[in-house]
Amino acid sequence: MLSRFLGQHYWELAKNWIPTAGMWGTVDPVGLVWVTDWRLILDWVSYINGKFKKDN
């Protein structure tokens, strides 16, 4: 269906970019956690949440 709108040449180019887009799609969330408050985001992950209990 996409090849009808894009054409064969652009469809081949898009297929070549799929691994790159997948890699950036993986790297971006990891970078977001690194740049922001990692503890705030990782508190939502159940396995990691139990490792960082605060002692009050």
Protein backbone atom coordinates (compact mmCIF):
# COMPACT_ATOMS: atom_id res chain seq x y z
CA MET A 1 0.00 0.00 0.00
CA LEU A 2 2.82 2.42 0.80
CA SER A 3 4.58 1.63 -2.44
CA ARG A 4 1.54 2.95 -4.29
CA PHE A 5 2.02 6.37 -2.65
CA LEU A 6 5.81 6.49 -2.45
CA GLY A 7 6.99 4.69 -5.53
CA GLN A 8 9.53 1.90 -5.78
CA HIS A 9 12.65 4.06 -5.39
CA TYR A 10 11.46 5.76 -2.21
CA TRP A 11 10.22 2.47 -0.79
CA GLU A 12 13.74 1.01 -1.15
CA LEU A 13 15.23 4.06 0.55
CA ALA A 14 12.74 3.77 3.42
CA LYS A 15 13.61 0.08 3.90
CA ASN A 16 17.28 1.02 4.19
CA TRP A 17 16.51 3.49 7.00
CA ILE A 18 14.51 1.04 9.16
CA PRO A 19 17.54 -0.25 11.16
CA THR A 20 18.80 3.29 11.75
CA ALA A 21 15.39 4.50 12.88
CA GLY A 22 15.08 1.50 15.18
CA MET A 23 18.45 2.22 16.74
CA TRP A 24 17.59 5.86 17.35
CA GLY A 25 14.23 4.78 18.71
CA THR A 26 16.11 2.74 21.30
CA VAL A 27 18.83 5.28 22.07
CA ASP A 28 16.47 8.24 22.55
CA PRO A 29 14.61 6.90 25.62
CA VAL A 30 17.89 5.82 27.21
CA GLY A 31 19.30 9.30 26.60
CA LEU A 32 16.18 10.85 28.06
CA VAL A 33 16.61 8.83 31.26
CA TRP A 34 20.29 9.83 31.39
CA VAL A 35 19.60 13.55 30.91
CA THR A 36 16.63 13.77 33.25
CA ASP A 37 16.24 12.60 36.82
CA TRP A 38 16.86 8.87 36.24
CA ARG A 39 15.47 7.96 39.64
CA LEU A 40 12.14 9.65 38.90
CA ILE A 41 11.69 7.63 35.70
CA LEU A 42 13.10 4.33 36.98
CA ASP A 43 10.77 4.37 40.01
CA TRP A 44 8.07 3.25 37.55
CA VAL A 45 10.06 0.09 36.66
CA SER A 46 9.01 -2.54 39.18
CA TYR A 47 12.26 -4.57 39.24
CA ILE A 48 14.50 -1.53 39.71
CA ASN A 49 12.10 0.26 42.06
CA GLY A 50 12.81 -2.20 44.90
CA LYS A 51 16.59 -1.67 44.74
CA PHE A 52 16.53 2.01 45.68
CA LYS A 53 14.44 2.21 48.83
CA LYS A 54 14.81 5.48 50.69
CA ASP A 55 15.68 5.26 54.38
CA ASN A 56 13.55 7.78 56.21
